[in-house]
């Protein structure tokens, strides 16, 4: 491999062309509106409602995936059972499935006439065409990120530390809380961040089940597409710029928590 100077230069050039340049173009294009018009478009009541739904649903879906993704990773690593490979393959299905297909399938299942939605409707619970449907779609597309991030960490841990803690009198909950959780926490935060980022930017699998009602079930990516369909490119970039900044700040906060967790583990404090 080439030396540090050449590889670092190639890395910065590649990231600049593929990541920094498009993001800079979004920000620069949105600034052409002027401060007052930018604020009027980017922080309109409709846009604020879309931001709340997109970021709130993505955060909630990532939190749910953090719990159940950890459970699934634990089962896949710690137990052997018939059909284990099939279960493992199902975890990766959201990666391979086109997002539009996923959205149509989820809508068919969770609509009031669907297999699951019909039973939920009898209990007065409506999923499709509500914000709950947005969360369900984001859970679906975000689950593999958490499972595949935690799985190798659990595999590397082995059972020795659990057995040692058990011989010292620790119960199962104590073993998980005091022994396993600190070890998998950085991976869990990474999986959470990936699932959150995917959920915030998701479009195809959400629009079919969301209902897309302004102020109720309209996500921010759909609002951007709506602006583009109206040939309001500056308005679309203004909303995109706000999503870009908020996403960057939230991911930076998660990365800071990860760094603090790693430092705490390395120092033992």
Protein backbone atom coordinates (compact mmCIF):
# COMPACT_ATOMS: atom_id res chain seq x y z
CA UNK A 1 0.00 0.00 0.00
CA UNK A 2 1.20 3.58 -0.63
CA UNK A 3 2.48 5.75 2.18
CA UNK A 4 0.45 7.94 4.50
CA UNK A 5 0.67 11.07 2.38
CA UNK A 6 -0.66 9.47 -0.80
CA UNK A 7 -3.38 7.37 0.88
CA UNK A 8 -4.52 10.29 3.04
CA UNK A 9 -4.68 12.56 0.02
CA UNK A 10 -6.71 10.01 -1.95
CA UNK A 11 -9.02 9.55 1.03
CA UNK A 12 -9.66 13.27 1.43
CA UNK A 13 -10.14 13.72 -2.32
CA UNK A 14 -12.62 10.85 -2.55
CA UNK A 15 -14.59 12.00 0.51
CA UNK A 16 -14.54 15.56 -0.75
CA UNK A 17 -15.98 14.62 -4.13
CA UNK A 18 -18.60 12.19 -2.86
CA UNK A 19 -19.58 13.68 0.52
CA UNK A 20 -18.40 17.22 1.17
CA UNK A 21 -19.02 18.69 -2.28
CA UNK A 22 -22.70 17.63 -2.55
CA UNK A 23 -23.39 18.79 1.02
CA UNK A 24 -21.70 22.11 0.36
CA UNK A 25 -23.76 22.52 -2.81
CA UNK A 26 -26.97 22.03 -0.80
CA UNK A 27 -25.97 24.65 1.75
CA UNK A 28 -24.79 27.16 -0.85
CA UNK A 29 -27.92 26.74 -2.97
CA UNK A 30 -30.16 27.22 0.06
CA UNK A 31 -28.32 30.42 1.01
CA UNK A 32 -29.43 32.01 -2.25
CA UNK A 33 -32.86 32.49 -0.67
CA UNK A 34 -31.60 35.08 1.77
CA UNK A 35 -31.97 34.82 5.56
CA UNK A 36 -35.60 35.89 5.79
CA UNK A 37 -36.89 33.76 2.94
CA UNK A 38 -34.76 30.82 4.11
CA UNK A 39 -36.29 31.00 7.58
CA UNK A 40 -39.78 31.35 6.10
CA UNK A 41 -39.38 28.19 4.00
CA UNK A 42 -37.18 26.04 6.22
CA UNK A 43 -39.06 26.78 9.45
CA UNK A 44 -42.62 27.00 8.23
CA UNK A 45 -45.23 25.20 10.38
CA UNK A 46 -45.51 22.44 7.77
CA UNK A 47 -41.74 21.96 7.65
CA UNK A 48 -41.45 21.91 11.44
CA UNK A 49 -44.16 19.23 11.63
CA UNK A 50 -42.27 17.18 9.03
CA UNK A 51 -39.00 17.55 10.97
CA UNK A 52 -40.64 16.42 14.20
CA UNK A 53 -42.05 13.34 12.56
CA UNK A 54 -38.89 12.40 10.65
CA UNK A 55 -36.44 12.84 13.51
CA UNK A 56 -38.83 11.67 16.23
CA UNK A 57 -39.87 8.54 14.36
CA UNK A 58 -36.27 7.76 13.41
CA UNK A 59 -35.15 8.14 17.03
CA UNK A 60 -38.01 5.98 18.32
CA UNK A 61 -37.42 3.30 15.69
CA UNK A 62 -33.69 3.23 16.45
CA UNK A 63 -34.44 2.87 20.17
CA UNK A 64 -36.78 -0.06 19.52
CA UNK A 65 -34.18 -1.67 17.26
CA UNK A 66 -31.58 -1.14 19.97
CA UNK A 67 -33.58 -3.36 22.33
CA UNK A 68 -34.83 -6.04 19.96
CA UNK A 69 -31.73 -5.94 17.76
CA UNK A 70 -29.61 -6.76 20.79
CA UNK A 71 -31.97 -9.62 21.65
CA UNK A 72 -31.82 -11.04 18.11
CA UNK A 73 -28.03 -10.75 18.00
CA UNK A 74 -27.84 -12.55 21.34
CA UNK A 75 -30.02 -15.42 20.08
CA UNK A 76 -28.03 -15.79 16.85
CA UNK A 77 -24.69 -15.85 18.69
CA UNK A 78 -25.46 -17.79 21.83
CA UNK A 79 -27.90 -20.48 20.65
CA UNK A 80 -28.05 -23.17 17.97
CA UNK A 81 -31.47 -24.16 16.67
CA UNK A 82 -33.08 -25.50 13.48
CA UNK A 83 -33.47 -22.79 10.88
CA UNK A 84 -30.81 -20.53 12.38
CA UNK A 85 -29.33 -19.71 8.98
CA UNK A 86 -32.77 -18.82 7.66
CA UNK A 87 -33.37 -16.47 10.60
CA UNK A 88 -29.98 -14.89 10.02
CA UNK A 89 -30.80 -14.40 6.34
CA UNK A 90 -34.14 -12.78 7.23
CA UNK A 91 -32.29 -10.16 9.26
CA UNK A 92 -30.49 -9.02 6.10
CA UNK A 93 -33.66 -8.97 3.99
CA UNK A 94 -34.27 -5.20 4.45
CA UNK A 95 -30.81 -4.61 2.94
CA UNK A 96 -31.66 -6.45 -0.28
CA UNK A 97 -35.36 -5.63 -0.61
CA UNK A 98 -36.18 -2.51 -2.70
CA UNK A 99 -37.60 0.14 -0.41
CA UNK A 100 -40.74 0.56 -2.51
CA UNK A 101 -41.45 -3.16 -2.24
CA UNK A 102 -40.97 -2.98 1.51
CA UNK A 103 -43.38 -0.05 1.76
CA UNK A 104 -46.06 -1.80 -0.29
CA UNK A 105 -45.67 -4.99 1.74
CA UNK A 106 -45.89 -3.18 5.07
CA UNK A 107 -48.94 -1.25 3.92
CA UNK A 108 -50.67 -4.44 2.79
CA UNK A 109 -49.98 -6.10 6.15
CA UNK A 110 -50.79 -3.19 8.47
CA UNK A 111 -53.74 -1.60 6.65
CA UNK A 112 -57.18 -2.01 8.20
CA UNK A 113 -57.84 -4.91 5.82
CA UNK A 114 -54.37 -6.46 6.16
CA UNK A 115 -53.37 -9.59 8.01
CA UNK A 116 -52.09 -7.77 11.10
CA UNK A 117 -53.85 -4.44 10.67
CA UNK A 118 -57.30 -5.99 10.66
CA UNK A 119 -56.71 -7.55 14.08
CA UNK A 120 -55.26 -4.33 15.44
CA UNK A 121 -58.21 -2.37 14.05
CA UNK A 122 -60.56 -4.51 16.12
CA UNK A 123 -58.71 -3.25 19.19
CA UNK A 124 -58.94 0.35 17.98
CA UNK A 125 -55.29 0.53 16.90
CA UNK A 126 -54.48 1.97 13.49
CA UNK A 127 -50.99 1.62 12.05
CA UNK A 128 -51.13 2.33 8.33
CA UNK A 129 -51.49 5.96 7.23
CA UNK A 130 -50.51 7.26 10.67
CA UNK A 131 -47.22 8.30 12.31
CA UNK A 132 -47.13 4.81 13.84
CA UNK A 133 -46.80 3.42 10.33
CA UNK A 134 -43.77 5.63 9.77
CA UNK A 135 -42.14 4.17 12.89
CA UNK A 136 -42.92 0.62 11.77
CA UNK A 137 -41.32 1.22 8.36
CA UNK A 138 -38.21 2.73 9.97
CA UNK A 139 -37.94 -0.20 12.38
CA UNK A 140 -38.04 -2.56 9.42
CA UNK A 141 -35.26 -0.87 7.47
CA UNK A 142 -33.07 -0.14 10.53
CA UNK A 143 -33.04 -3.52 12.29
CA UNK A 144 -30.11 -5.07 10.34
CA UNK A 145 -27.79 -2.22 11.28
CA UNK A 146 -28.14 -2.94 15.00
CA UNK A 147 -28.02 -6.73 14.72
CA UNK A 148 -25.00 -6.89 12.44
CA UNK A 149 -23.10 -4.33 14.51
CA UNK A 150 -23.60 -6.09 17.84
CA UNK A 151 -23.33 -9.67 16.59
CA UNK A 152 -19.51 -9.82 16.06
CA UNK A 153 -18.89 -8.16 19.43
CA UNK A 154 -20.95 -10.80 21.22
CA UNK A 155 -19.22 -13.53 19.23
CA UNK A 156 -15.80 -12.27 20.35
CA UNK A 157 -16.82 -12.10 24.01
CA UNK A 158 -17.47 -15.79 24.40
CA UNK A 159 -19.14 -17.33 27.44
CA UNK A 160 -16.14 -17.31 29.79
CA UNK A 161 -16.81 -13.94 31.37
CA UNK A 162 -20.47 -14.80 31.90
CA UNK A 163 -19.59 -18.10 33.55
CA UNK A 164 -16.98 -16.39 35.74
CA UNK A 165 -19.54 -13.81 36.88
CA UNK A 166 -22.06 -16.57 37.55
CA UNK A 167 -19.59 -18.48 39.73
CA UNK A 168 -19.14 -15.30 41.77
CA UNK A 169 -22.87 -15.24 42.48
CA UNK A 170 -24.09 -12.74 39.91
CA UNK A 171 -27.60 -13.23 38.56
CA UNK A 172 -28.53 -13.05 34.89
CA UNK A 173 -29.70 -9.45 35.06
CA UNK A 174 -26.55 -8.41 36.92
CA UNK A 175 -24.37 -10.24 34.39
CA UNK A 176 -26.03 -8.43 31.52
CA UNK A 177 -26.00 -5.02 33.22
CA UNK A 178 -22.50 -5.13 34.73
CA UNK A 179 -20.59 -7.44 32.37
CA UNK A 180 -22.14 -7.64 28.91
CA UNK A 181 -23.73 -4.22 28.45
CA UNK A 182 -20.50 -2.23 28.99
CA UNK A 183 -18.78 -4.41 26.40
CA UNK A 184 -21.43 -4.10 23.72
CA UNK A 185 -22.36 -0.46 24.42
CA UNK A 186 -20.03 1.10 21.78
CA UNK A 187 -21.36 -1.32 19.15
CA UNK A 188 -24.93 -0.68 20.31
CA UNK A 189 -24.45 3.08 19.96
CA UNK A 190 -22.94 2.58 16.51
CA UNK A 191 -25.88 0.45 15.42
CA UNK A 192 -28.28 2.99 16.90
CA UNK A 193 -26.60 5.82 14.99
CA UNK A 194 -26.70 3.89 11.71
CA UNK A 195 -30.36 2.94 12.16
CA UNK A 196 -31.23 6.53 13.10
CA UNK A 197 -29.42 7.97 10.09
CA UNK A 198 -31.08 5.49 7.74
CA UNK A 199 -34.49 6.27 9.21
CA UNK A 200 -34.12 10.04 8.88
CA UNK A 201 -33.31 9.79 5.19
CA UNK A 202 -35.71 6.97 4.33
CA UNK A 203 -38.28 7.70 1.65
CA UNK A 204 -39.39 4.72 -0.43
CA UNK A 205 -40.58 2.39 2.31
CA UNK A 206 -42.24 5.17 4.32
CA UNK A 207 -44.39 7.08 1.84
CA UNK A 208 -46.64 4.09 1.11
CA UNK A 209 -47.56 3.44 4.73
CA UNK A 210 -47.39 7.02 6.05
CA UNK A 211 -50.50 8.47 4.44
CA UNK A 212 -48.52 11.65 3.68
CA UNK A 213 -50.96 14.04 5.31
CA UNK A 214 -49.40 17.48 5.98
CA UNK A 215 -48.98 18.24 9.70
CA UNK A 216 -49.83 14.60 10.53
CA UNK A 217 -47.89 11.92 8.65
CA UNK A 218 -45.74 13.83 6.18
CA UNK A 219 -42.00 13.18 6.46
CA UNK A 220 -39.35 15.73 5.60
CA UNK A 221 -37.92 13.84 2.57
CA UNK A 222 -41.41 13.82 1.05
CA UNK A 223 -41.71 17.57 1.62
CA UNK A 224 -38.43 18.03 -0.24
CA UNK A 225 -39.75 15.97 -3.16
CA UNK A 226 -42.94 18.03 -3.12
CA UNK A 227 -40.91 21.24 -3.39
CA UNK A 228 -38.93 19.77 -6.29
CA UNK A 229 -42.13 18.78 -8.11
CA UNK A 230 -43.21 22.41 -7.82
CA UNK A 231 -39.82 23.47 -9.26
CA UNK A 232 -38.98 25.25 -6.00
CA UNK A 233 -35.37 24.08 -5.92
CA UNK A 234 -34.24 26.70 -3.42
CA UNK A 235 -37.05 25.73 -1.03
CA UNK A 236 -36.13 22.07 -1.35
CA UNK A 237 -32.48 22.79 -0.61
CA UNK A 238 -33.47 24.93 2.39
CA UNK A 239 -35.34 22.03 3.97
CA UNK A 240 -32.52 19.66 3.02
CA UNK A 241 -29.98 22.00 4.62
CA UNK A 242 -31.88 21.98 7.92
CA UNK A 243 -32.05 18.17 7.86
CA UNK A 244 -28.34 18.04 7.05
CA UNK A 245 -27.37 20.26 9.97
CA UNK A 246 -29.63 18.56 12.51
CA UNK A 247 -28.54 15.09 11.38
CA UNK A 248 -24.88 16.08 11.62
CA UNK A 249 -25.32 17.49 15.12
CA UNK A 250 -27.17 14.41 16.37
CA UNK A 251 -24.63 12.02 14.86
CA UNK A 252 -21.80 14.13 16.31
CA UNK A 253 -23.43 13.88 19.74
CA UNK A 254 -23.73 10.10 19.41
CA UNK A 255 -20.09 9.85 18.31
CA UNK A 256 -19.07 11.96 21.31
CA UNK A 257 -20.93 9.58 23.61
CA UNK A 258 -19.18 6.64 21.92
CA UNK A 259 -15.77 8.26 22.39
CA UNK A 260 -16.54 8.95 26.04
CA UNK A 261 -17.64 5.34 26.51
CA UNK A 262 -14.44 4.02 24.94
CA UNK A 263 -12.33 6.34 27.09
CA UNK A 264 -14.19 5.21 30.20
CA UNK A 265 -13.58 1.57 29.32
CA UNK A 266 -9.89 2.11 28.56
CA UNK A 267 -9.21 3.97 31.80
CA UNK A 268 -11.51 1.81 33.92
CA UNK A 269 -13.07 4.88 35.49
